[in-house]
Structures are given as structure tokens and as C-alpha cells.
């Protein structure tokens, strides 16, 4: 549980960095994202989800990443 909370905290830190360093650019980027069709957002989300699951699997279940 301690590791899970640490990882969750790290996710919050990494998610906040662009908003702290480049708030105006993030506003422009989010405005552009709002113009994308839902299908494109869904595909991007599925890709990120798949990549995250693959990275977790590779680091925990294989010796590919030491």
C-alpha cells in the first residue's frame, strides 16, 4: 500500500509540472484538445492505457528491463 500511495503521489507531481511551468501553453493546448472528436480522444486514451499496462508488465514480470 505504501508503494501504491508513493506512485500515486508521483503521478500527481508529474501531471502538475506542465501546469506550473507553462500555464498559458497548457490553456492553448487544452483548447485545441477540446476541438478533437471524441473518437480521437478515445484512441489516444486507449493507446496511453495500453502503453502503461505494457510498461508495468515489462518491469514487473520480465527481465527485459533490469
PDB file of N, CA and C in Angstrom:
ATOM      1  N   UNK A   1       0.820  -1.189   0.000  1.00  0.00           N
ATOM      2  CA  UNK A   1       0.000   0.000   0.000  1.00  0.00           C
ATOM      3  C   UNK A   1       0.867   1.257   0.000  1.00  0.00           C
ATOM      4  N   UNK A   2       1.989   1.188   0.699  1.00  0.00           N
ATOM      5  CA  UNK A   2       2.893   2.332   0.765  1.00  0.00           C
ATOM      6  C   UNK A   2       3.441   2.662  -0.626  1.00  0.00           C
ATOM      7  N   UNK A   3       3.794   1.623  -1.390  1.00  0.00           N
ATOM      8  CA  UNK A   3       4.296   1.830  -2.751  1.00  0.00           C
ATOM      9  C   UNK A   3       3.212   2.433  -3.634  1.00  0.00           C
ATOM     10  N   UNK A   4       1.985   1.950  -3.506  1.00  0.00           N
ATOM     11  CA  UNK A   4       0.882   2.468  -4.306  1.00  0.00           C
ATOM     12  C   UNK A   4       0.668   3.956  -4.048  1.00  0.00           C
ATOM     13  N   UNK A   5       0.674   4.367  -2.796  1.00  0.00           N
ATOM     14  CA  UNK A   5       0.466   5.777  -2.458  1.00  0.00           C
ATOM     15  C   UNK A   5       1.636   6.624  -2.952  1.00  0.00           C
ATOM     16  N   UNK A   6       2.843   6.085  -2.883  1.00  0.00           N
ATOM     17  CA  UNK A   6       4.010   6.796  -3.399  1.00  0.00           C
ATOM     18  C   UNK A   6       3.898   6.996  -4.903  1.00  0.00           C
ATOM     19  N   UNK A   7       3.513   5.952  -5.621  1.00  0.00           N
ATOM     20  CA  UNK A   7       3.346   6.050  -7.077  1.00  0.00           C
ATOM     21  C   UNK A   7       2.232   7.026  -7.413  1.00  0.00           C
ATOM     22  N   UNK A   8       1.144   6.981  -6.681  1.00  0.00           N
ATOM     23  CA  UNK A   8       0.048   7.913  -6.913  1.00  0.00           C
ATOM     24  C   UNK A   8       0.506   9.362  -6.695  1.00  0.00           C
ATOM     25  N   UNK A   9       1.279   9.590  -5.673  1.00  0.00           N
ATOM     26  CA  UNK A   9       1.830  10.923  -5.429  1.00  0.00           C
ATOM     27  C   UNK A   9       2.745  11.370  -6.561  1.00  0.00           C
ATOM     28  N   UNK A  10       3.553  10.463  -7.069  1.00  0.00           N
ATOM     29  CA  UNK A  10       4.439  10.782  -8.179  1.00  0.00           C
ATOM     30  C   UNK A  10       3.639  11.119  -9.437  1.00  0.00           C
ATOM     31  N   UNK A  11       2.541  10.423  -9.655  1.00  0.00           N
ATOM     32  CA  UNK A  11       1.669  10.733 -10.797  1.00  0.00           C
ATOM     33  C   UNK A  11       1.136  12.156 -10.666  1.00  0.00           C
ATOM     34  N   UNK A  12       0.692  12.537  -9.491  1.00  0.00           N
ATOM     35  CA  UNK A  12       0.198  13.904  -9.279  1.00  0.00           C
ATOM     36  C   UNK A  12       1.293  14.931  -9.547  1.00  0.00           C
ATOM     37  N   UNK A  13       2.500  14.664  -9.076  1.00  0.00           N
ATOM     38  CA  UNK A  13       3.622  15.583  -9.299  1.00  0.00           C
ATOM     39  C   UNK A  13       3.889  15.725 -10.798  1.00  0.00           C
ATOM     40  N   UNK A  14       3.976  14.602 -11.507  1.00  0.00           N
ATOM     41  CA  UNK A  14       4.282  14.645 -12.938  1.00  0.00           C
ATOM     42  C   UNK A  14       3.158  15.301 -13.735  1.00  0.00           C
ATOM     43  N   UNK A  15       1.927  15.088 -13.333  1.00  0.00           N
ATOM     44  CA  UNK A  15       0.800  15.706 -14.029  1.00  0.00           C
ATOM     45  C   UNK A  15       0.767  17.223 -13.804  1.00  0.00           C
ATOM     46  N   UNK A  16       1.252  17.686 -12.672  1.00  0.00           N
ATOM     47  CA  UNK A  16       1.174  19.112 -12.339  1.00  0.00           C
ATOM     48  C   UNK A  16       2.288  19.941 -12.961  1.00  0.00           C
ATOM     49  N   UNK A  17       3.401  19.324 -13.298  1.00  0.00           N
ATOM     50  CA  UNK A  17       4.568  20.074 -13.781  1.00  0.00           C
ATOM     51  C   UNK A  17       4.240  20.981 -14.973  1.00  0.00           C
ATOM     52  N   UNK A  18       3.585  20.488 -16.037  1.00  0.00           N
ATOM     53  CA  UNK A  18       3.309  21.395 -17.160  1.00  0.00           C
ATOM     54  C   UNK A  18       2.419  22.583 -16.785  1.00  0.00           C
ATOM     55  N   UNK A  19       1.476  22.373 -15.870  1.00  0.00           N
ATOM     56  CA  UNK A  19       0.586  23.461 -15.464  1.00  0.00           C
ATOM     57  C   UNK A  19       1.332  24.523 -14.656  1.00  0.00           C
ATOM     58  N   UNK A  20       2.326  24.105 -13.895  1.00  0.00           N
ATOM     59  CA  UNK A  20       3.104  25.045 -13.092  1.00  0.00           C
ATOM     60  C   UNK A  20       4.103  25.812 -13.958  1.00  0.00           C
ATOM     61  N   UNK A  21       4.768  25.102 -14.861  1.00  0.00           N
ATOM     62  CA  UNK A  21       5.815  25.726 -15.671  1.00  0.00           C
ATOM     63  C   UNK A  21       5.283  26.492 -16.878  1.00  0.00           C
ATOM     64  N   UNK A  22       4.207  26.007 -17.497  1.00  0.00           N
ATOM     65  CA  UNK A  22       3.708  26.595 -18.742  1.00  0.00           C
ATOM     66  C   UNK A  22       2.184  26.736 -18.727  1.00  0.00           C
ATOM     67  N   UNK A  23       1.629  27.551 -17.828  1.00  0.00           N
ATOM     68  CA  UNK A  23       0.166  27.619 -17.724  1.00  0.00           C
ATOM     69  C   UNK A  23      -0.518  28.145 -18.997  1.00  0.00           C
ATOM     70  N   UNK A  24       0.076  29.157 -19.647  1.00  0.00           N
ATOM     71  CA  UNK A  24      -0.548  29.694 -20.859  1.00  0.00           C
ATOM     72  C   UNK A  24      -0.533  28.670 -21.987  1.00  0.00           C
ATOM     73  N   UNK A  25       0.580  27.973 -22.138  1.00  0.00           N
ATOM     74  CA  UNK A  25       0.670  26.952 -23.179  1.00  0.00           C
ATOM     75  C   UNK A  25      -0.316  25.817 -22.911  1.00  0.00           C
ATOM     76  N   UNK A  26      -0.507  25.467 -21.653  1.00  0.00           N
ATOM     77  CA  UNK A  26      -1.455  24.403 -21.319  1.00  0.00           C
ATOM     78  C   UNK A  26      -2.880  24.831 -21.639  1.00  0.00           C
ATOM     79  N   UNK A  27      -3.197  26.110 -21.430  1.00  0.00           N
ATOM     80  CA  UNK A  27      -4.539  26.590 -21.777  1.00  0.00           C
ATOM     81  C   UNK A  27      -4.772  26.478 -23.283  1.00  0.00           C
ATOM     82  N   UNK A  28      -3.752  26.865 -24.066  1.00  0.00           N
ATOM     83  CA  UNK A  28      -3.889  26.756 -25.520  1.00  0.00           C
ATOM     84  C   UNK A  28      -4.018  25.302 -25.944  1.00  0.00           C
ATOM     85  N   UNK A  29      -3.226  24.433 -25.345  1.00  0.00           N
ATOM     86  CA  UNK A  29      -3.234  23.016 -25.703  1.00  0.00           C
ATOM     87  C   UNK A  29      -4.577  22.380 -25.354  1.00  0.00           C
ATOM     88  N   UNK A  30      -5.099  22.709 -24.173  1.00  0.00           N
ATOM     89  CA  UNK A  30      -6.395  22.160 -23.767  1.00  0.00           C
ATOM     90  C   UNK A  30      -7.525  22.667 -24.658  1.00  0.00           C
ATOM     91  N   UNK A  31      -7.414  23.921 -25.127  1.00  0.00           N
ATOM     92  CA  UNK A  31      -8.420  24.444 -26.053  1.00  0.00           C
ATOM     93  C   UNK A  31      -8.383  23.668 -27.369  1.00  0.00           C
ATOM     94  N   UNK A  32      -7.182  23.324 -27.825  1.00  0.00           N
ATOM     95  CA  UNK A  32      -7.060  22.536 -29.057  1.00  0.00           C
ATOM     96  C   UNK A  32      -7.619  21.129 -28.864  1.00  0.00           C
ATOM     97  N   UNK A  33      -7.369  20.551 -27.708  1.00  0.00           N
ATOM     98  CA  UNK A  33      -7.874  19.205 -27.431  1.00  0.00           C
ATOM     99  C   UNK A  33      -9.402  19.191 -27.415  1.00  0.00           C
ATOM    100  N   UNK A  34     -10.004  20.259 -26.922  1.00  0.00           N
ATOM    101  CA  UNK A  34     -11.466  20.296 -26.849  1.00  0.00           C
ATOM    102  C   UNK A  34     -12.108  20.286 -28.237  1.00  0.00           C
ATOM    103  N   UNK A  35     -11.335  20.602 -29.264  1.00  0.00           N
ATOM    104  CA  UNK A  35     -11.860  20.596 -30.630  1.00  0.00           C
ATOM    105  C   UNK A  35     -11.765  19.218 -31.292  1.00  0.00           C
ATOM    106  N   UNK A  36     -11.024  18.289 -30.697  1.00  0.00           N
ATOM    107  CA  UNK A  36     -10.874  16.955 -31.274  1.00  0.00           C
ATOM    108  C   UNK A  36     -12.162  16.154 -31.119  1.00  0.00           C
ATOM    109  N   UNK A  37     -12.428  15.283 -32.068  1.00  0.00           N
ATOM    110  CA  UNK A  37     -13.614  14.422 -31.936  1.00  0.00           C
ATOM    111  C   UNK A  37     -13.420  13.400 -30.813  1.00  0.00           C
ATOM    112  N   UNK A  38     -14.494  12.976 -30.186  1.00  0.00           N
ATOM    113  CA  UNK A  38     -14.394  12.011 -29.088  1.00  0.00           C
ATOM    114  C   UNK A  38     -13.664  10.723 -29.475  1.00  0.00           C
ATOM    115  N   UNK A  39     -13.825  10.277 -30.708  1.00  0.00           N
ATOM    116  CA  UNK A  39     -13.156   9.040 -31.134  1.00  0.00           C
ATOM    117  C   UNK A  39     -11.638   9.187 -31.092  1.00  0.00           C
ATOM    118  N   UNK A  40     -11.130  10.360 -31.463  1.00  0.00           N
ATOM    119  CA  UNK A  40      -9.684  10.596 -31.431  1.00  0.00           C
ATOM    120  C   UNK A  40      -9.181  10.608 -29.986  1.00  0.00           C
ATOM    121  N   UNK A  41      -9.944  11.222 -29.095  1.00  0.00           N
ATOM    122  CA  UNK A  41      -9.563  11.239 -27.677  1.00  0.00           C
ATOM    123  C   UNK A  41      -9.585   9.823 -27.097  1.00  0.00           C
ATOM    124  N   UNK A  42     -10.585   9.058 -27.489  1.00  0.00           N
ATOM    125  CA  UNK A  42     -10.695   7.679 -27.003  1.00  0.00           C
ATOM    126  C   UNK A  42      -9.490   6.855 -27.471  1.00  0.00           C
ATOM    127  N   UNK A  43      -9.101   7.011 -28.730  1.00  0.00           N
ATOM    128  CA  UNK A  43      -7.962   6.262 -29.264  1.00  0.00           C
ATOM    129  C   UNK A  43      -6.666   6.667 -28.555  1.00  0.00           C
ATOM    130  N   UNK A  44      -6.488   7.953 -28.308  1.00  0.00           N
ATOM    131  CA  UNK A  44      -5.298   8.410 -27.591  1.00  0.00           C
ATOM    132  C   UNK A  44      -5.287   7.844 -26.168  1.00  0.00           C
ATOM    133  N   UNK A  45      -6.453   7.828 -25.532  1.00  0.00           N
ATOM    134  CA  UNK A  45      -6.548   7.265 -24.188  1.00  0.00           C
ATOM    135  C   UNK A  45      -6.268   5.777 -24.160  1.00  0.00           C
ATOM    136  N   UNK A  46      -6.796   5.049 -25.144  1.00  0.00           N
ATOM    137  CA  UNK A  46      -6.532   3.613 -25.219  1.00  0.00           C
ATOM    138  C   UNK A  46      -5.057   3.324 -25.475  1.00  0.00           C
ATOM    139  N   UNK A  47      -4.438   4.133 -26.311  1.00  0.00           N
ATOM    140  CA  UNK A  47      -3.007   3.966 -26.570  1.00  0.00           C
ATOM    141  C   UNK A  47      -2.200   4.186 -25.290  1.00  0.00           C
ATOM    142  N   UNK A  48      -2.500   5.266 -24.558  1.00  0.00           N
ATOM    143  CA  UNK A  48      -1.786   5.550 -23.318  1.00  0.00           C
ATOM    144  C   UNK A  48      -2.028   4.456 -22.282  1.00  0.00           C
ATOM    145  N   UNK A  49      -3.244   3.970 -22.206  1.00  0.00           N
ATOM    146  CA  UNK A  49      -3.570   2.885 -21.286  1.00  0.00           C
ATOM    147  C   UNK A  49      -2.785   1.629 -21.631  1.00  0.00           C
ATOM    148  N   UNK A  50      -2.772   1.263 -22.901  1.00  0.00           N
ATOM    149  CA  UNK A  50      -2.035   0.081 -23.336  1.00  0.00           C
ATOM    150  C   UNK A  50      -0.546   0.203 -23.083  1.00  0.00           C
ATOM    151  N   UNK A  51       0.009   1.382 -23.366  1.00  0.00           N
ATOM    152  CA  UNK A  51       1.434   1.607 -23.117  1.00  0.00           C
ATOM    153  C   UNK A  51       1.749   1.501 -21.634  1.00  0.00           C
ATOM    154  N   UNK A  52       0.898   2.051 -20.789  1.00  0.00           N
ATOM    155  CA  UNK A  52       1.112   1.966 -19.344  1.00  0.00           C
ATOM    156  C   UNK A  52       1.057   0.537 -18.837  1.00  0.00           C
ATOM    157  N   UNK A  53       0.079  -0.226 -19.314  1.00  0.00           N
ATOM    158  CA  UNK A  53      -0.032  -1.630 -18.900  1.00  0.00           C
ATOM    159  C   UNK A  53       1.188  -2.410 -19.383  1.00  0.00           C
ATOM    160  N   UNK A  54       1.622  -2.164 -20.612  1.00  0.00           N
ATOM    161  CA  UNK A  54       2.799  -2.852 -21.150  1.00  0.00           C
ATOM    162  C   UNK A  54       4.049  -2.531 -20.335  1.00  0.00           C
ATOM    163  N   UNK A  55       4.245  -1.271 -19.995  1.00  0.00           N
ATOM    164  CA  UNK A  55       5.410  -0.895 -19.181  1.00  0.00           C
ATOM    165  C   UNK A  55       5.368  -1.552 -17.807  1.00  0.00           C
ATOM    166  N   UNK A  56       4.199  -1.571 -17.184  1.00  0.00           N
ATOM    167  CA  UNK A  56       4.066  -2.234 -15.882  1.00  0.00           C
ATOM    168  C   UNK A  56       4.385  -3.721 -16.002  1.00  0.00           C
ATOM    169  N   UNK A  57       3.865  -4.358 -17.036  1.00  0.00           N
ATOM    170  CA  UNK A  57       4.119  -5.787 -17.238  1.00  0.00           C
ATOM    171  C   UNK A  57       5.613  -6.046 -17.455  1.00  0.00           C
ATOM    172  N   UNK A  58       6.228  -5.253 -18.331  1.00  0.00           N
ATOM    173  CA  UNK A  58       7.648  -5.469 -18.636  1.00  0.00           C
ATOM    174  C   UNK A  58       8.538  -5.279 -17.415  1.00  0.00           C
ATOM    175  N   UNK A  59       8.213  -4.300 -16.595  1.00  0.00           N
ATOM    176  CA  UNK A  59       9.062  -4.048 -15.427  1.00  0.00           C
ATOM    177  C   UNK A  59       8.826  -5.049 -14.301  1.00  0.00           C
ATOM    178  N   UNK A  60       7.628  -5.597 -14.199  1.00  0.00           N
ATOM    179  CA  UNK A  60       7.319  -6.487 -13.076  1.00  0.00           C
ATOM    180  C   UNK A  60       7.447  -7.966 -13.402  1.00  0.00           C
ATOM    181  N   UNK A  61       7.215  -8.341 -14.655  1.00  0.00           N
ATOM    182  CA  UNK A  61       7.117  -9.775 -14.981  1.00  0.00           C
ATOM    183  C   UNK A  61       8.225 -10.309 -15.891  1.00  0.00           C
ATOM    184  N   UNK A  62       9.073  -9.452 -16.424  1.00  0.00           N
ATOM    185  CA  UNK A  62      10.118  -9.925 -17.316  1.00  0.00           C
ATOM    186  C   UNK A  62      11.465  -9.388 -16.852  1.00  0.00           C
ATOM    187  N   UNK A  63      12.517  -9.899 -17.471  1.00  0.00           N
ATOM    188  CA  UNK A  63      13.863  -9.400 -17.184  1.00  0.00           C
ATOM    189  C   UNK A  63      14.357  -8.473 -18.292  1.00  0.00           C
ATOM    190  N   UNK A  64      13.457  -7.993 -19.126  1.00  0.00           N
ATOM    191  CA  UNK A  64      13.861  -7.095 -20.214  1.00  0.00           C
ATOM    192  C   UNK A  64      14.353  -5.754 -19.690  1.00  0.00           C
ATOM    193  N   UNK A  65      13.747  -5.294 -18.628  1.00  0.00           N
ATOM    194  CA  UNK A  65      14.143  -4.021 -18.007  1.00  0.00           C
ATOM    195  C   UNK A  65      14.691  -4.334 -16.619  1.00  0.00           C
ATOM    196  N   UNK A  66      16.007  -4.180 -16.444  1.00  0.00           N
ATOM    197  CA  UNK A  66      16.603  -4.543 -15.141  1.00  0.00           C
ATOM    198  C   UNK A  66      16.210  -3.603 -14.025  1.00  0.00           C
TER     199      UNK A  66
END
